[in-house]
Amino acid sequence: MQNIGPKRMARRRKGTTMPKFSMTTGANHWNIPGFFEASSQELDGYTVEIERYSTDMEYAFAYKGLPNDQCQATHMGYILKGRLTVHMADGTDEVFEAGDAYVITPGHVPAIAAGTEFVTFTPITEESKQANQVVQANMMKYAQEHGIPLPG
């Protein structure tokens, strides 16, 4: 094994801790019974999300108002359980299932199967910030229009 040396290897300073969080300790937590539970936190330039879905959902509505009504952020992640289908701008579908690691490029809309759990890492960029704002507003509107009770 090649020694990459101190200039290229990240080292933790004595007495410091590496950033981490869990579903229960994330800075942002959403629990809408019967639909989904999610927790997120910003860690070293990424928004990290842990998500669980209890119903099948096509999320095209959530991206209305973004360029081409699609997410313009890049995501990397790992499927713990279930299935995540990603409808791509070129008309193809990518399917990720339990045990799959993934990279999703800009220009996509997700469809998530009931019982799916995953962890996703999204670099914090202007595109990801814009997508987050639009998706949150569209999710609130969707919940109100469909009589989905939102936590306090």
N, C-alpha and C. Protein backbone atom coordinates (compact mmCIF):
# COMPACT_ATOMS: atom_id res chain seq x y z
N MET A 1 0.84 -1.18 0.00
CA MET A 1 0.00 0.00 0.00
C MET A 1 0.88 1.24 0.00
N GLN A 2 0.54 2.18 -0.83
CA GLN A 2 1.32 3.41 -0.95
C GLN A 2 0.97 4.35 0.19
N ASN A 3 1.99 4.94 0.79
CA ASN A 3 1.79 5.95 1.83
C ASN A 3 1.49 7.27 1.13
N ILE A 4 0.31 7.81 1.41
CA ILE A 4 -0.05 9.06 0.73
C ILE A 4 0.44 10.29 1.48
N GLY A 5 0.99 10.10 2.66
CA GLY A 5 1.61 11.19 3.37
C GLY A 5 0.65 12.15 4.05
N PRO A 6 1.17 12.97 4.94
CA PRO A 6 0.33 13.85 5.75
C PRO A 6 -0.35 14.96 4.96
N LYS A 7 0.20 15.37 3.82
CA LYS A 7 -0.42 16.44 3.05
C LYS A 7 -1.71 15.99 2.36
N ARG A 8 -1.83 14.70 2.07
CA ARG A 8 -2.99 14.21 1.32
C ARG A 8 -3.98 13.47 2.19
N MET A 9 -3.61 13.15 3.40
CA MET A 9 -4.47 12.35 4.26
C MET A 9 -5.13 13.24 5.30
N ALA A 10 -6.45 13.14 5.39
CA ALA A 10 -7.17 13.92 6.41
C ALA A 10 -6.87 13.34 7.78
N ARG A 11 -6.53 14.18 8.70
CA ARG A 11 -6.25 13.73 10.05
C ARG A 11 -7.10 14.52 11.03
N ARG A 12 -7.50 13.82 12.05
CA ARG A 12 -8.31 14.44 13.09
C ARG A 12 -7.36 14.97 14.16
N ARG A 13 -7.62 16.17 14.61
CA ARG A 13 -6.82 16.73 15.69
C ARG A 13 -7.22 16.08 17.00
N LYS A 14 -6.27 15.88 17.84
CA LYS A 14 -6.55 15.28 19.14
C LYS A 14 -7.58 16.13 19.88
N GLY A 15 -8.59 15.47 20.41
CA GLY A 15 -9.62 16.16 21.16
C GLY A 15 -10.80 16.62 20.32
N THR A 16 -10.75 16.43 19.00
CA THR A 16 -11.88 16.81 18.17
C THR A 16 -12.68 15.57 17.80
N THR A 17 -13.89 15.76 17.40
CA THR A 17 -14.72 14.64 16.98
C THR A 17 -15.13 14.83 15.53
N MET A 18 -15.37 13.72 14.87
CA MET A 18 -15.85 13.78 13.49
C MET A 18 -17.35 14.04 13.52
N PRO A 19 -17.88 14.80 12.56
CA PRO A 19 -19.31 15.10 12.57
C PRO A 19 -20.13 13.85 12.29
N LYS A 20 -21.28 13.76 12.97
CA LYS A 20 -22.19 12.64 12.76
C LYS A 20 -23.56 13.03 13.28
N PHE A 21 -24.57 12.23 12.90
CA PHE A 21 -25.91 12.37 13.44
C PHE A 21 -26.67 11.09 13.14
N SER A 22 -27.87 11.00 13.70
CA SER A 22 -28.73 9.84 13.47
C SER A 22 -30.14 10.32 13.15
N MET A 23 -31.04 9.38 12.90
CA MET A 23 -32.43 9.74 12.60
C MET A 23 -33.01 10.58 13.74
N THR A 24 -32.62 10.31 14.96
CA THR A 24 -33.20 11.04 16.10
C THR A 24 -32.44 12.30 16.49
N THR A 25 -31.22 12.47 16.00
CA THR A 25 -30.43 13.62 16.44
C THR A 25 -30.19 14.68 15.36
N GLY A 26 -30.74 14.50 14.17
CA GLY A 26 -30.52 15.45 13.08
C GLY A 26 -31.05 16.83 13.41
N ALA A 27 -30.45 17.84 12.81
CA ALA A 27 -30.87 19.22 13.04
C ALA A 27 -32.28 19.47 12.54
N ASN A 28 -32.68 18.76 11.49
CA ASN A 28 -34.02 18.88 10.92
C ASN A 28 -34.67 17.50 10.95
N HIS A 29 -35.89 17.43 11.44
CA HIS A 29 -36.58 16.14 11.53
C HIS A 29 -38.02 16.30 11.11
N TRP A 30 -38.50 15.43 10.22
CA TRP A 30 -39.88 15.44 9.77
C TRP A 30 -40.44 14.05 9.98
N ASN A 31 -41.63 13.99 10.56
CA ASN A 31 -42.32 12.71 10.72
C ASN A 31 -43.78 12.94 10.38
N ILE A 32 -44.17 12.44 9.23
CA ILE A 32 -45.57 12.53 8.82
C ILE A 32 -46.08 11.10 8.78
N PRO A 33 -46.73 10.66 9.88
CA PRO A 33 -47.16 9.27 9.98
C PRO A 33 -47.97 8.82 8.75
N GLY A 34 -47.65 7.63 8.28
CA GLY A 34 -48.31 7.09 7.11
C GLY A 34 -47.66 7.49 5.80
N PHE A 35 -46.69 8.41 5.85
CA PHE A 35 -46.03 8.88 4.63
C PHE A 35 -44.52 8.70 4.70
N PHE A 36 -43.86 9.50 5.53
CA PHE A 36 -42.41 9.37 5.61
C PHE A 36 -41.88 9.96 6.91
N GLU A 37 -40.65 9.57 7.20
CA GLU A 37 -39.88 10.15 8.30
C GLU A 37 -38.50 10.45 7.74
N ALA A 38 -37.97 11.61 8.07
CA ALA A 38 -36.66 12.00 7.56
C ALA A 38 -35.95 12.87 8.58
N SER A 39 -34.63 12.79 8.53
CA SER A 39 -33.79 13.61 9.38
C SER A 39 -32.61 14.07 8.53
N SER A 40 -32.20 15.32 8.71
CA SER A 40 -31.07 15.82 7.93
C SER A 40 -30.17 16.71 8.78
N GLN A 41 -28.96 16.84 8.30
CA GLN A 41 -27.97 17.67 8.98
C GLN A 41 -26.92 18.06 7.95
N GLU A 42 -26.39 19.26 8.06
CA GLU A 42 -25.27 19.66 7.22
C GLU A 42 -23.98 19.18 7.89
N LEU A 43 -23.18 18.44 7.11
CA LEU A 43 -21.91 17.92 7.59
C LEU A 43 -20.82 18.19 6.57
N ASP A 44 -19.89 19.03 6.90
CA ASP A 44 -18.70 19.28 6.07
C ASP A 44 -19.01 19.50 4.59
N GLY A 45 -19.95 20.39 4.28
CA GLY A 45 -20.22 20.74 2.90
C GLY A 45 -21.27 19.88 2.21
N TYR A 46 -21.88 18.98 2.96
CA TYR A 46 -22.94 18.12 2.42
C TYR A 46 -24.18 18.22 3.28
N THR A 47 -25.34 18.11 2.65
CA THR A 47 -26.56 17.86 3.40
C THR A 47 -26.73 16.35 3.39
N VAL A 48 -26.76 15.77 4.58
CA VAL A 48 -26.91 14.32 4.72
C VAL A 48 -28.33 14.08 5.21
N GLU A 49 -29.04 13.16 4.53
CA GLU A 49 -30.41 12.85 4.91
C GLU A 49 -30.56 11.36 5.12
N ILE A 50 -31.30 11.01 6.17
CA ILE A 50 -31.72 9.64 6.43
C ILE A 50 -33.23 9.65 6.24
N GLU A 51 -33.75 8.81 5.35
CA GLU A 51 -35.16 8.87 5.01
C GLU A 51 -35.80 7.48 5.04
N ARG A 52 -37.08 7.43 5.48
CA ARG A 52 -37.89 6.21 5.50
C ARG A 52 -39.26 6.55 4.92
N TYR A 53 -39.75 5.71 4.02
CA TYR A 53 -41.03 5.95 3.37
C TYR A 53 -42.00 4.82 3.67
N SER A 54 -43.24 5.17 4.01
CA SER A 54 -44.24 4.16 4.33
C SER A 54 -45.34 4.07 3.28
N THR A 55 -45.24 4.82 2.21
CA THR A 55 -46.20 4.74 1.11
C THR A 55 -45.47 4.98 -0.21
N ASP A 56 -46.00 4.42 -1.29
CA ASP A 56 -45.43 4.69 -2.62
C ASP A 56 -45.67 6.15 -2.97
N MET A 57 -44.65 6.81 -3.48
CA MET A 57 -44.81 8.23 -3.84
C MET A 57 -44.04 8.54 -5.13
N GLU A 58 -44.75 9.17 -6.05
CA GLU A 58 -44.13 9.79 -7.23
C GLU A 58 -43.94 11.26 -6.86
N TYR A 59 -42.75 11.77 -6.96
CA TYR A 59 -42.46 13.10 -6.44
C TYR A 59 -42.37 14.20 -7.50
N ALA A 60 -42.97 14.00 -8.67
CA ALA A 60 -42.92 15.04 -9.71
C ALA A 60 -43.48 16.36 -9.20
N PHE A 61 -44.55 16.32 -8.41
CA PHE A 61 -45.17 17.54 -7.88
C PHE A 61 -44.19 18.38 -7.06
N ALA A 62 -43.26 17.73 -6.39
CA ALA A 62 -42.35 18.42 -5.48
C ALA A 62 -41.34 19.31 -6.20
N TYR A 63 -41.10 19.04 -7.49
CA TYR A 63 -40.07 19.76 -8.23
C TYR A 63 -40.64 20.81 -9.18
N LYS A 64 -41.96 21.02 -9.14
CA LYS A 64 -42.58 22.04 -9.98
C LYS A 64 -42.00 23.41 -9.60
N GLY A 65 -41.54 24.12 -10.62
CA GLY A 65 -40.96 25.44 -10.39
C GLY A 65 -39.45 25.45 -10.50
N LEU A 66 -38.81 24.27 -10.50
CA LEU A 66 -37.37 24.19 -10.76
C LEU A 66 -37.15 24.08 -12.26
N PRO A 67 -35.95 24.32 -12.76
CA PRO A 67 -35.71 24.17 -14.20
C PRO A 67 -36.16 22.79 -14.69
N ASN A 68 -36.97 22.79 -15.74
CA ASN A 68 -37.55 21.57 -16.32
C ASN A 68 -38.37 20.76 -15.32
N ASP A 69 -38.79 21.38 -14.21
CA ASP A 69 -39.54 20.70 -13.14
C ASP A 69 -38.82 19.44 -12.67
N GLN A 70 -37.49 19.55 -12.54
CA GLN A 70 -36.65 18.43 -12.11
C GLN A 70 -35.63 18.92 -11.10
N CYS A 71 -35.17 18.00 -10.28
CA CYS A 71 -34.11 18.33 -9.32
C CYS A 71 -32.81 18.57 -10.09
N GLN A 72 -32.13 19.65 -9.75
CA GLN A 72 -30.89 20.01 -10.43
C GLN A 72 -29.66 19.77 -9.56
N ALA A 73 -29.83 19.03 -8.47
CA ALA A 73 -28.72 18.72 -7.57
C ALA A 73 -28.17 17.33 -7.87
N THR A 74 -26.95 17.09 -7.42
CA THR A 74 -26.33 15.77 -7.48
C THR A 74 -26.46 15.12 -6.10
N HIS A 75 -26.77 13.84 -6.08
CA HIS A 75 -26.90 13.11 -4.82
C HIS A 75 -26.09 11.83 -4.89
N MET A 76 -25.50 11.45 -3.77
CA MET A 76 -24.83 10.16 -3.61
C MET A 76 -25.48 9.49 -2.42
N GLY A 77 -25.61 8.17 -2.45
CA GLY A 77 -26.24 7.54 -1.31
C GLY A 77 -26.18 6.04 -1.33
N TYR A 78 -26.95 5.46 -0.41
CA TYR A 78 -26.99 4.02 -0.23
C TYR A 78 -28.40 3.62 0.17
N ILE A 79 -28.95 2.60 -0.51
CA ILE A 79 -30.29 2.09 -0.22
C ILE A 79 -30.18 1.02 0.85
N LEU A 80 -30.81 1.27 1.99
CA LEU A 80 -30.81 0.29 3.09
C LEU A 80 -31.89 -0.78 2.88
N LYS A 81 -33.08 -0.33 2.45
CA LYS A 81 -34.22 -1.21 2.20
C LYS A 81 -35.04 -0.63 1.06
N GLY A 82 -35.72 -1.51 0.32
CA GLY A 82 -36.69 -1.03 -0.65
C GLY A 82 -36.13 -0.68 -2.01
N ARG A 83 -36.81 0.29 -2.68
CA ARG A 83 -36.49 0.63 -4.06
C ARG A 83 -36.72 2.12 -4.32
N LEU A 84 -35.74 2.72 -4.96
CA LEU A 84 -35.79 4.11 -5.39
C LEU A 84 -35.66 4.12 -6.91
N THR A 85 -36.66 4.64 -7.60
CA THR A 85 -36.61 4.78 -9.06
C THR A 85 -36.40 6.26 -9.36
N VAL A 86 -35.50 6.54 -10.27
CA VAL A 86 -35.20 7.92 -10.63
C VAL A 86 -35.51 8.11 -12.11
N HIS A 87 -36.48 8.98 -12.40
CA HIS A 87 -36.82 9.32 -13.78
C HIS A 87 -35.85 10.42 -14.22
N MET A 88 -35.05 10.13 -15.24
CA MET A 88 -34.02 11.05 -15.70
C MET A 88 -34.54 11.94 -16.84
N ALA A 89 -33.88 13.06 -17.03
CA ALA A 89 -34.28 14.04 -18.04
C ALA A 89 -34.29 13.44 -19.45
N ASP A 90 -33.45 12.45 -19.71
CA ASP A 90 -33.39 11.86 -21.05
C ASP A 90 -34.47 10.81 -21.28
N GLY A 91 -35.38 10.63 -20.31
CA GLY A 91 -36.48 9.69 -20.46
C GLY A 91 -36.20 8.30 -19.92
N THR A 92 -35.00 8.05 -19.46
CA THR A 92 -34.68 6.74 -18.89
C THR A 92 -35.01 6.71 -17.40
N ASP A 93 -35.17 5.52 -16.88
CA ASP A 93 -35.36 5.32 -15.44
C ASP A 93 -34.17 4.54 -14.90
N GLU A 94 -33.68 4.97 -13.77
CA GLU A 94 -32.64 4.24 -13.05
C GLU A 94 -33.30 3.68 -11.80
N VAL A 95 -33.08 2.40 -11.51
CA VAL A 95 -33.68 1.76 -10.35
C VAL A 95 -32.57 1.33 -9.40
N PHE A 96 -32.70 1.76 -8.14
CA PHE A 96 -31.75 1.40 -7.10
C PHE A 96 -32.49 0.63 -6.02
N GLU A 97 -31.92 -0.49 -5.60
CA GLU A 97 -32.56 -1.35 -4.60
C GLU A 97 -31.63 -1.58 -3.43
N ALA A 98 -32.18 -2.21 -2.38
CA ALA A 98 -31.42 -2.46 -1.15
C ALA A 98 -30.03 -3.00 -1.48
N GLY A 99 -29.03 -2.38 -0.87
CA GLY A 99 -27.65 -2.78 -1.09
C GLY A 99 -26.94 -1.98 -2.16
N ASP A 100 -27.67 -1.17 -2.92
CA ASP A 100 -27.06 -0.37 -3.99
C ASP A 100 -26.56 0.97 -3.44
N ALA A 101 -25.34 1.32 -3.86
CA ALA A 101 -24.83 2.68 -3.67
C ALA A 101 -25.12 3.41 -4.98
N TYR A 102 -25.33 4.72 -4.93
CA TYR A 102 -25.71 5.43 -6.15
C TYR A 102 -25.13 6.83 -6.20
N VAL A 103 -25.06 7.34 -7.43
CA VAL A 103 -24.83 8.75 -7.71
C VAL A 103 -25.93 9.14 -8.69
N ILE A 104 -26.70 10.16 -8.35
CA ILE A 104 -27.77 10.65 -9.20
C ILE A 104 -27.36 12.04 -9.69
N THR A 105 -27.36 12.21 -10.99
CA THR A 105 -26.93 13.47 -11.58
C THR A 105 -28.12 14.44 -11.73
N PRO A 106 -27.86 15.72 -11.95
CA PRO A 106 -28.94 16.70 -12.12
C PRO A 106 -29.88 16.32 -13.26
N GLY A 107 -31.15 16.75 -13.11
CA GLY A 107 -32.15 16.48 -14.13
C GLY A 107 -32.90 15.20 -13.84
N HIS A 108 -33.49 15.10 -12.65
CA HIS A 108 -34.16 13.87 -12.25
C HIS A 108 -35.37 14.16 -11.37
N VAL A 109 -36.23 13.15 -11.28
CA VAL A 109 -37.39 13.17 -10.38
C VAL A 109 -37.49 11.78 -9.76
N PRO A 110 -37.54 11.69 -8.42
CA PRO A 110 -37.59 10.37 -7.78
C PRO A 110 -39.01 9.83 -7.62
N ALA A 111 -39.09 8.51 -7.59
CA ALA A 111 -40.30 7.78 -7.21
C ALA A 111 -39.84 6.76 -6.17
N ILE A 112 -40.47 6.76 -5.02
CA ILE A 112 -39.99 5.96 -3.90
C ILE A 112 -41.04 4.95 -3.49
N ALA A 113 -40.64 3.68 -3.37
CA ALA A 113 -41.56 2.60 -3.00
C ALA A 113 -41.75 2.56 -1.49
N ALA A 114 -42.95 2.18 -1.07
CA ALA A 114 -43.24 2.00 0.35
C ALA A 114 -42.22 1.02 0.95
N GLY A 115 -41.77 1.32 2.17
CA GLY A 115 -40.81 0.47 2.84
C GLY A 115 -39.36 0.79 2.53
N THR A 116 -39.13 1.84 1.73
CA THR A 116 -37.77 2.20 1.34
C THR A 116 -37.10 3.04 2.42
N GLU A 117 -35.85 2.73 2.68
CA GLU A 117 -35.00 3.52 3.59
C GLU A 117 -33.67 3.75 2.90
N PHE A 118 -33.17 4.98 2.98
CA PHE A 118 -31.87 5.27 2.38
C PHE A 118 -31.19 6.43 3.08
N VAL A 119 -29.90 6.55 2.80
CA VAL A 119 -29.08 7.67 3.27
C VAL A 119 -28.56 8.35 2.01
N THR A 120 -28.69 9.67 1.94
CA THR A 120 -28.22 10.39 0.77
C THR A 120 -27.33 11.58 1.19
N PHE A 121 -26.33 11.84 0.36
CA PHE A 121 -25.38 12.93 0.58
C PHE A 121 -25.48 13.87 -0.61
N THR A 122 -25.81 15.13 -0.34
CA THR A 122 -25.97 16.12 -1.40
C THR A 122 -24.99 17.26 -1.17
N PRO A 123 -24.06 17.49 -2.10
CA PRO A 123 -23.16 18.63 -1.94
C PRO A 123 -23.98 19.92 -1.82
N ILE A 124 -23.60 20.77 -0.90
CA ILE A 124 -24.31 22.03 -0.71
C ILE A 124 -23.85 23.01 -1.78
N THR A 125 -24.77 23.31 -2.72
CA THR A 125 -24.52 24.22 -3.83
C THR A 125 -25.72 25.15 -3.95
N GLU A 126 -25.62 26.14 -4.80
CA GLU A 126 -26.77 27.02 -5.04
C GLU A 126 -27.95 26.20 -5.59
N GLU A 127 -27.66 25.23 -6.47
CA GLU A 127 -28.72 24.40 -7.04
C GLU A 127 -29.41 23.56 -5.96
N SER A 128 -28.64 23.00 -5.05
CA SER A 128 -29.26 22.17 -4.00
C SER A 128 -30.05 23.02 -3.02
N LYS A 129 -29.56 24.23 -2.74
CA LYS A 129 -30.31 25.14 -1.86
C LYS A 129 -31.64 25.54 -2.49
N GLN A 130 -31.61 25.87 -3.79
CA GLN A 130 -32.82 26.24 -4.51
C GLN A 130 -33.79 25.06 -4.53
N ALA A 131 -33.29 23.88 -4.83
CA ALA A 131 -34.15 22.69 -4.88
C ALA A 131 -34.80 22.45 -3.52
N ASN A 132 -34.05 22.58 -2.47
CA ASN A 132 -34.57 22.35 -1.12
C ASN A 132 -35.72 23.30 -0.80
N GLN A 133 -35.55 24.58 -1.13
CA GLN A 133 -36.60 25.57 -0.87
C GLN A 133 -37.88 25.25 -1.64
N VAL A 134 -37.73 24.93 -2.92
CA VAL A 134 -38.89 24.64 -3.77
C VAL A 134 -39.58 23.35 -3.30
N VAL A 135 -38.81 22.32 -3.02
CA VAL A 135 -39.39 21.04 -2.59
C VAL A 135 -40.14 21.21 -1.27
N GLN A 136 -39.56 21.91 -0.32
CA GLN A 136 -40.25 22.10 0.97
C GLN A 136 -41.57 22.84 0.78
N ALA A 137 -41.58 23.89 -0.02
CA ALA A 137 -42.82 24.64 -0.26
C ALA A 137 -43.86 23.76 -0.96
N ASN A 138 -43.43 23.00 -1.96
CA ASN A 138 -44.35 22.12 -2.69
C ASN A 138 -44.87 20.98 -1.81
N MET A 139 -44.05 20.48 -0.92
CA MET A 139 -44.49 19.41 -0.01
C MET A 139 -45.55 19.95 0.96
N MET A 140 -45.35 21.15 1.47
CA MET A 140 -46.34 21.75 2.37
C MET A 140 -47.66 21.97 1.63
N LYS A 141 -47.59 22.47 0.42
CA LYS A 141 -48.79 22.69 -0.39
C LYS A 141 -49.50 21.37 -0.66
N TYR A 142 -48.75 20.34 -1.01
CA TYR A 142 -49.32 19.01 -1.28
C TYR A 142 -50.03 18.48 -0.04
N ALA A 143 -49.39 18.60 1.11
CA ALA A 143 -49.99 18.11 2.36
C ALA A 143 -51.30 18.83 2.64
N GLN A 144 -51.31 20.15 2.48
CA GLN A 144 -52.54 20.92 2.72
C GLN A 144 -53.64 20.53 1.75
N GLU A 145 -53.31 20.38 0.47
CA GLU A 145 -54.30 20.05 -0.55
C GLU A 145 -54.88 18.64 -0.36
N HIS A 146 -54.10 17.75 0.24
CA HIS A 146 -54.54 16.36 0.41
C HIS A 146 -54.96 16.04 1.85
N GLY A 147 -55.09 17.07 2.68
CA GLY A 147 -55.55 16.85 4.04
C GLY A 147 -54.62 16.04 4.90
N ILE A 148 -53.35 16.11 4.62
CA ILE A 148 -52.35 15.38 5.39
C ILE A 148 -51.99 16.22 6.61
N PRO A 149 -52.25 15.70 7.81
CA PRO A 149 -51.92 16.49 9.00
C PRO A 149 -50.41 16.63 9.17
N LEU A 150 -49.98 17.85 9.39
CA LEU A 150 -48.57 18.12 9.61
C LEU A 150 -48.30 18.32 11.09
N PRO A 151 -47.17 17.82 11.57
CA PRO A 151 -46.84 18.02 12.98
C PRO A 151 -46.71 19.50 13.31
N GLY A 152 -47.10 19.86 14.53
CA GLY A 152 -47.11 21.20 15.10
C GLY A 152 -46.11 22.13 14.66
